[in-house]
């Protein structure tokens, strides 16, 4: 009887493995495991057997059913996966958009300018540093020699955020100068670095102003740095970025974080001058704020707006064109 059970189980498992459809597998399952199957008929005869033989035959029946069920389940998984793939293929939709001409995307004009500027300064021996766009009053103003209530704060028209749990009001940085403070706090001189990034001020958008724009600033800190080094660096950058037909000049100005301070202009090949940005020797109070000894270290800083410079270079007459994402405009560059 046990030999018959093993024969039935082997044959049923082989039939299950050979099934080519779920309907066929269901029919085999009912035939070999149902109430009228050979296994069920043998099970009904257990009562007529001696106890020891009944135990052995019962064990064989249970093992046979388990083997058949395992074979059926394994084949069912294969057939269901095949049916699912077939259904998905039948329901697949081709959503590819067909267009007459395909256009590749390209890097935004401002990003192109920022990457080019970084390459120019890296070629001059500078490194690139970055920092958070949301800053504290200390990093954005205090450490840069802006005391509370200083009128110079007004020219930045700061955008403040909701106060923190400590009562401090974070702000959107108005320049990338806070990165200079963080860089000096984190390391000792010498420092030769530029800081590109996005900044924000409370400006109304028009052809020459945007509330969100991009800057790049530079910082040099070392022994024996002079105003002559600053002028030479600005002139070298002007020729490297704009071309050999350009030159630069410095004009006296005022910034809280530099002394002396200057505006720097570039002279175009047609002889006209264009104001580009501000610069100066790092104020001793800034060095003291980061723990540098101003008797030992000197340095200079400079900065200018990337958007405005890019617009001038590419002949864009309205800064808003750089932010509207008009594909017709962007494809020109």
Protein backbone atom coordinates (compact mmCIF):
# COMPACT_ATOMS: atom_id res chain seq x y z
CA UNK A 1 0.00 0.00 0.00
CA UNK A 2 2.85 2.39 0.80
CA UNK A 3 4.39 1.61 -2.60
CA UNK A 4 1.07 2.54 -4.25
CA UNK A 5 0.99 5.83 -2.30
CA UNK A 6 4.55 6.73 -3.40
CA UNK A 7 3.71 5.85 -7.02
CA UNK A 8 0.59 8.04 -6.92
CA UNK A 9 2.51 10.94 -5.38
CA UNK A 10 5.34 10.77 -7.94
CA UNK A 11 2.92 10.61 -10.87
CA UNK A 12 0.79 13.47 -9.53
CA UNK A 13 3.86 15.69 -8.92
CA UNK A 14 5.12 15.00 -12.44
CA UNK A 15 1.73 15.90 -13.92
CA UNK A 16 1.69 19.13 -11.91
CA UNK A 17 5.14 20.12 -13.13
CA UNK A 18 4.09 19.47 -16.74
CA UNK A 19 0.89 21.57 -16.58
CA UNK A 20 0.87 24.31 -19.24
CA UNK A 21 -2.01 26.43 -17.92
CA UNK A 22 -3.65 27.40 -14.65
CA UNK A 23 -6.87 25.67 -15.70
CA UNK A 24 -5.01 22.44 -16.34
CA UNK A 25 -3.24 22.74 -12.99
CA UNK A 26 -6.54 23.28 -11.16
CA UNK A 27 -7.96 20.12 -12.81
CA UNK A 28 -4.91 18.09 -11.76
CA UNK A 29 -5.13 19.46 -8.22
CA UNK A 30 -8.79 18.37 -7.91
CA UNK A 31 -8.10 14.98 -9.47
CA UNK A 32 -5.13 13.96 -7.31
CA UNK A 33 -6.14 15.60 -4.01
CA UNK A 34 -9.94 15.74 -4.18
CA UNK A 35 -12.44 13.52 -2.37
CA UNK A 36 -12.52 11.04 -5.27
CA UNK A 37 -8.75 10.81 -5.72
CA UNK A 38 -6.74 7.63 -5.21
CA UNK A 39 -5.11 9.16 -2.13
CA UNK A 40 -8.52 9.77 -0.56
CA UNK A 41 -9.63 6.19 -1.36
CA UNK A 42 -6.58 4.75 0.42
CA UNK A 43 -7.19 7.07 3.37
CA UNK A 44 -10.71 5.71 3.75
CA UNK A 45 -9.30 2.16 4.16
CA UNK A 46 -7.11 3.07 7.13
CA UNK A 47 -9.71 1.90 9.62
CA UNK A 48 -9.36 -1.70 8.46
CA UNK A 49 -5.64 -1.86 9.12
CA UNK A 50 -3.73 -2.94 12.19
CA UNK A 51 -2.60 -0.05 14.44
CA UNK A 52 1.08 -0.19 13.46
CA UNK A 53 0.34 -0.53 9.75
CA UNK A 54 -2.30 2.22 10.02
CA UNK A 55 0.31 4.54 11.53
CA UNK A 56 2.83 3.87 8.75
CA UNK A 57 0.29 4.21 5.95
CA UNK A 58 -1.17 7.40 7.47
CA UNK A 59 2.31 8.92 7.63
CA UNK A 60 2.93 7.98 3.99
CA UNK A 61 -0.39 9.56 2.95
CA UNK A 62 0.45 12.85 4.72
CA UNK A 63 3.91 12.96 3.14
CA UNK A 64 2.44 12.22 -0.29
CA UNK A 65 -0.15 14.99 0.00
CA UNK A 66 2.52 17.45 1.13
CA UNK A 67 4.74 16.56 -1.84
CA UNK A 68 1.84 16.91 -4.30
CA UNK A 69 0.72 20.25 -2.79
CA UNK A 70 4.28 21.58 -2.97
CA UNK A 71 4.59 20.62 -6.64
CA UNK A 72 1.20 22.21 -7.43
CA UNK A 73 2.09 25.43 -5.56
CA UNK A 74 5.47 25.75 -7.30
CA UNK A 75 3.93 25.29 -10.73
CA UNK A 76 1.09 27.68 -9.90
CA UNK A 77 3.62 30.44 -9.03
CA UNK A 78 5.36 29.96 -12.40
CA UNK A 79 2.11 29.97 -14.39
CA UNK A 80 0.69 32.98 -12.53
CA UNK A 81 3.86 34.99 -13.17
CA UNK A 82 3.70 34.12 -16.86
CA UNK A 83 0.03 35.09 -17.02
CA UNK A 84 0.78 38.38 -15.26
CA UNK A 85 3.53 39.23 -17.73
CA UNK A 86 1.27 38.38 -20.63
CA UNK A 87 -1.52 40.59 -19.25
CA UNK A 88 0.81 43.52 -18.61
CA UNK A 89 2.24 43.25 -22.11
CA UNK A 90 -1.27 43.22 -23.56
CA UNK A 91 -2.27 46.30 -21.54
CA UNK A 92 0.97 48.24 -22.16
CA UNK A 93 0.53 51.73 -23.63
CA UNK A 94 3.21 53.55 -25.59
CA UNK A 95 3.21 57.06 -24.14
CA UNK A 96 6.26 58.24 -26.04
CA UNK A 97 5.64 61.72 -27.38
CA UNK A 98 6.40 61.95 -31.05
CA UNK A 99 7.75 65.33 -32.10
CA UNK A 100 9.14 66.53 -35.35
CA UNK A 101 12.34 67.84 -33.77
CA UNK A 102 13.91 66.71 -30.50
CA UNK A 103 15.68 69.36 -28.41
CA UNK A 104 18.31 68.53 -25.84
CA UNK A 105 18.33 70.42 -22.57
CA UNK A 106 21.23 72.70 -21.74
CA UNK A 107 22.72 74.28 -18.65
CA UNK A 108 21.07 77.54 -17.57
CA UNK A 109 22.90 80.71 -18.50
CA UNK A 110 23.54 81.69 -14.86
CA UNK A 111 24.83 78.21 -14.01
CA UNK A 112 27.13 78.34 -17.03
CA UNK A 113 28.50 81.68 -15.79
CA UNK A 114 28.96 80.38 -12.23
CA UNK A 115 30.84 77.31 -13.42
CA UNK A 116 33.00 79.43 -15.72
CA UNK A 117 33.83 81.82 -12.87
CA UNK A 118 34.76 78.94 -10.58
CA UNK A 119 37.05 77.54 -13.28
CA UNK A 120 38.74 80.93 -13.75
CA UNK A 121 39.38 81.40 -10.03
CA UNK A 122 40.51 77.81 -9.52
CA UNK A 123 42.97 78.42 -12.34
CA UNK A 124 44.24 81.41 -10.35
CA UNK A 125 44.87 79.23 -7.29
CA UNK A 126 41.61 79.72 -5.36
CA UNK A 127 39.44 77.03 -3.81
CA UNK A 128 35.61 77.04 -3.82
CA UNK A 129 33.64 77.26 -0.53
CA UNK A 130 29.88 77.08 0.12
CA UNK A 131 27.56 77.76 3.05
CA UNK A 132 23.88 77.79 4.10
CA UNK A 133 21.40 80.18 2.50
CA UNK A 134 19.53 80.65 5.80
CA UNK A 135 21.79 82.45 8.25
CA UNK A 136 21.86 84.04 11.69
CA UNK A 137 22.24 87.77 12.27
CA UNK A 138 25.75 87.14 13.62
CA UNK A 139 27.11 85.53 10.47
CA UNK A 140 25.29 87.83 8.07
CA UNK A 141 25.94 91.11 9.94
CA UNK A 142 27.55 90.98 13.39
CA UNK A 143 30.78 89.20 12.51
CA UNK A 144 31.10 91.44 9.45
CA UNK A 145 31.33 94.62 11.56
CA UNK A 146 27.65 95.60 11.29
CA UNK A 147 26.66 96.63 14.84
CA UNK A 148 22.98 96.54 15.77
CA UNK A 149 21.18 99.56 14.36
CA UNK A 150 24.00 100.36 11.94
CA UNK A 151 22.57 102.31 8.97
CA UNK A 152 24.51 100.12 6.54
CA UNK A 153 22.07 97.31 7.36
CA UNK A 154 19.31 99.30 5.65
CA UNK A 155 20.92 99.03 2.23
CA UNK A 156 20.54 95.24 2.35
CA UNK A 157 16.73 95.19 3.01
CA UNK A 158 16.89 91.84 4.74
CA UNK A 159 14.24 89.13 4.47
CA UNK A 160 13.70 87.68 7.98
CA UNK A 161 12.10 84.34 8.80
CA UNK A 162 9.98 83.28 11.78
CA UNK A 163 11.82 83.49 15.14
CA UNK A 164 13.32 80.29 16.50
CA UNK A 165 12.55 78.81 19.95
CA UNK A 166 15.36 80.91 21.39
CA UNK A 167 13.83 84.10 20.00
CA UNK A 168 16.54 84.59 17.36
CA UNK A 169 15.26 85.54 13.91
CA UNK A 170 17.02 83.67 11.10
CA UNK A 171 17.25 85.39 7.74
CA UNK A 172 17.91 84.72 4.09
CA UNK A 173 21.53 85.72 3.59
CA UNK A 174 21.90 89.05 1.82
CA UNK A 175 25.39 88.24 0.49
CA UNK A 176 27.74 85.28 0.46
CA UNK A 177 30.06 86.99 2.97
CA UNK A 178 28.83 84.73 5.83
CA UNK A 179 30.66 81.91 4.07
CA UNK A 180 33.86 83.89 4.59
CA UNK A 181 33.21 84.00 8.35
CA UNK A 182 32.45 80.27 8.53
CA UNK A 183 35.56 79.48 6.50
CA UNK A 184 37.83 81.57 8.75
CA UNK A 185 36.27 80.05 11.87
CA UNK A 186 37.02 76.56 10.59
CA UNK A 187 40.67 76.96 9.62
CA UNK A 188 43.80 79.03 10.00
CA UNK A 189 45.36 81.11 7.20
CA UNK A 190 46.52 81.18 4.53
CA UNK A 191 43.13 81.29 2.76
CA UNK A 192 42.54 81.80 -0.96
CA UNK A 193 38.90 81.02 -1.69
CA UNK A 194 35.81 82.12 -3.63
CA UNK A 195 32.21 81.73 -2.46
CA UNK A 196 29.50 81.51 -5.16
CA UNK A 197 25.84 81.20 -4.23
CA UNK A 198 22.27 82.46 -4.12
CA UNK A 199 21.28 85.45 -1.99
CA UNK A 200 18.07 87.42 -1.32
CA UNK A 201 17.08 91.00 -0.60
CA UNK A 202 13.81 92.87 -0.34
CA UNK A 203 13.90 94.25 -3.90
CA UNK A 204 11.08 94.67 -6.41
CA UNK A 205 11.76 92.75 -9.58
CA UNK A 206 12.54 94.97 -12.54
CA UNK A 207 14.95 95.07 -15.47
CA UNK A 208 18.00 95.63 -13.23
CA UNK A 209 16.99 94.17 -9.84
CA UNK A 210 15.72 90.83 -8.56
CA UNK A 211 14.77 89.78 -5.00
CA UNK A 212 16.75 86.56 -5.48
CA UNK A 213 20.05 86.66 -7.34
CA UNK A 214 23.54 85.17 -7.37
CA UNK A 215 26.88 86.43 -6.12
CA UNK A 216 30.46 85.30 -6.06
CA UNK A 217 32.85 86.63 -3.43
CA UNK A 218 36.54 86.11 -2.90
CA UNK A 219 38.68 86.10 0.24
CA UNK A 220 42.44 86.13 0.62
CA UNK A 221 44.10 86.01 4.06
CA UNK A 222 47.86 85.70 4.44
CA UNK A 223 50.88 87.56 5.77
CA UNK A 224 51.85 90.75 3.95
CA UNK A 225 48.75 91.05 1.73
CA UNK A 226 48.32 94.61 0.39
CA UNK A 227 45.91 96.71 -1.65
CA UNK A 228 48.26 96.15 -4.58
CA UNK A 229 47.59 92.40 -4.39
CA UNK A 230 43.86 93.13 -4.52
CA UNK A 231 44.20 95.40 -7.58
CA UNK A 232 46.39 92.84 -9.33
CA UNK A 233 43.97 90.00 -8.61
CA UNK A 234 40.99 92.00 -9.93
CA UNK A 235 42.89 92.93 -13.10
CA UNK A 236 44.07 89.35 -13.65
CA UNK A 237 40.53 88.05 -13.22
CA UNK A 238 39.14 90.67 -15.63
CA UNK A 239 41.49 89.61 -18.41
CA UNK A 240 41.03 85.88 -17.72
CA UNK A 241 37.23 86.06 -17.75
CA UNK A 242 36.38 88.83 -20.21
CA UNK A 243 39.43 88.71 -22.47
CA UNK A 244 42.68 90.62 -23.07
CA UNK A 245 40.84 93.69 -24.39
CA UNK A 246 39.42 94.45 -20.93
CA UNK A 247 41.05 96.20 -17.97
CA UNK A 248 39.94 97.28 -14.47
CA UNK A 249 40.14 100.17 -12.02
CA UNK A 250 39.34 100.80 -8.34
CA UNK A 251 37.33 103.76 -6.99
CA UNK A 252 37.07 104.69 -3.28
CA UNK A 253 33.91 103.45 -1.56
CA UNK A 254 32.63 102.23 1.83
CA UNK A 255 31.72 98.82 3.22
CA UNK A 256 31.57 97.97 6.95
CA UNK A 257 33.65 94.83 6.55
CA UNK A 258 36.57 96.32 4.57
CA UNK A 259 38.88 99.28 5.18
CA UNK A 260 39.92 100.80 2.87
CA UNK A 261 37.07 99.91 0.51
CA UNK A 262 36.60 100.36 -3.21
CA UNK A 263 34.28 99.75 -6.13
CA UNK A 264 35.88 98.06 -9.10
CA UNK A 265 34.96 98.76 -12.72
CA UNK A 266 35.92 97.03 -15.94
CA UNK A 267 36.82 98.88 -19.11
CA UNK A 268 35.38 97.42 -22.28
CA UNK A 269 37.20 97.44 -25.63
CA UNK A 270 35.03 100.38 -26.79
CA UNK A 271 36.43 102.48 -23.93
CA UNK A 272 33.26 102.50 -21.76
CA UNK A 273 33.36 101.54 -18.07
CA UNK A 274 31.05 99.12 -16.29
CA UNK A 275 30.74 98.91 -12.49
CA UNK A 276 31.13 95.29 -11.50
CA UNK A 277 31.37 94.99 -7.70
CA UNK A 278 32.91 95.97 -4.39
CA UNK A 279 36.17 95.10 -2.70
CA UNK A 280 38.66 96.18 -0.03
CA UNK A 281 41.07 95.13 2.68
CA UNK A 282 39.46 92.97 5.37
CA UNK A 283 38.56 95.12 8.39
CA UNK A 284 40.52 94.29 11.58
CA UNK A 285 37.23 93.87 13.48
CA UNK A 286 36.28 91.02 11.13
CA UNK A 287 39.56 89.28 11.90
CA UNK A 288 38.98 89.76 15.63
CA UNK A 289 35.45 88.26 15.32
CA UNK A 290 36.90 84.99 13.99
CA UNK A 291 39.90 84.91 16.33
CA UNK A 292 42.57 86.08 13.89
CA UNK A 293 45.26 88.52 15.02
CA UNK A 294 45.03 91.58 12.70
CA UNK A 295 48.64 92.43 13.59
CA UNK A 296 49.76 89.13 12.08
CA UNK A 297 47.32 88.60 9.22
CA UNK A 298 46.06 90.87 6.44
CA UNK A 299 43.74 90.13 3.58
CA UNK A 300 41.30 91.39 1.00
CA UNK A 301 37.78 90.53 -0.11
CA UNK A 302 35.76 91.23 -3.25
CA UNK A 303 32.34 90.37 -4.59
CA UNK A 304 30.01 90.98 -7.49
CA UNK A 305 26.66 89.88 -8.88
CA UNK A 306 26.76 86.99 -11.33
CA UNK A 307 23.35 87.67 -12.91
CA UNK A 308 24.05 91.28 -13.79
CA UNK A 309 27.52 90.51 -15.09
CA UNK A 310 26.15 87.64 -17.19
CA UNK A 311 23.42 89.86 -18.60
CA UNK A 312 25.98 92.48 -19.60
CA UNK A 313 28.26 89.92 -21.18
CA UNK A 314 25.50 88.18 -23.18
CA UNK A 315 23.57 91.31 -24.16
CA UNK A 316 20.50 90.53 -22.01
CA UNK A 317 18.68 93.79 -21.25
CA UNK A 318 16.21 92.54 -18.61
CA UNK A 319 17.33 90.43 -15.62
CA UNK A 320 13.85 88.94 -15.39
CA UNK A 321 14.56 86.99 -18.58
CA UNK A 322 17.04 84.92 -16.58
CA UNK A 323 14.29 83.71 -14.21
CA UNK A 324 11.13 83.32 -16.32
CA UNK A 325 12.20 79.95 -17.81
CA UNK A 326 11.04 80.92 -21.30
CA UNK A 327 12.38 78.04 -23.37
CA UNK A 328 12.77 80.28 -26.42
CA UNK A 329 15.15 82.49 -24.46
CA UNK A 330 17.08 79.65 -22.80
CA UNK A 331 17.72 77.82 -26.09
CA UNK A 332 19.79 80.75 -27.30
CA UNK A 333 22.54 79.85 -24.84
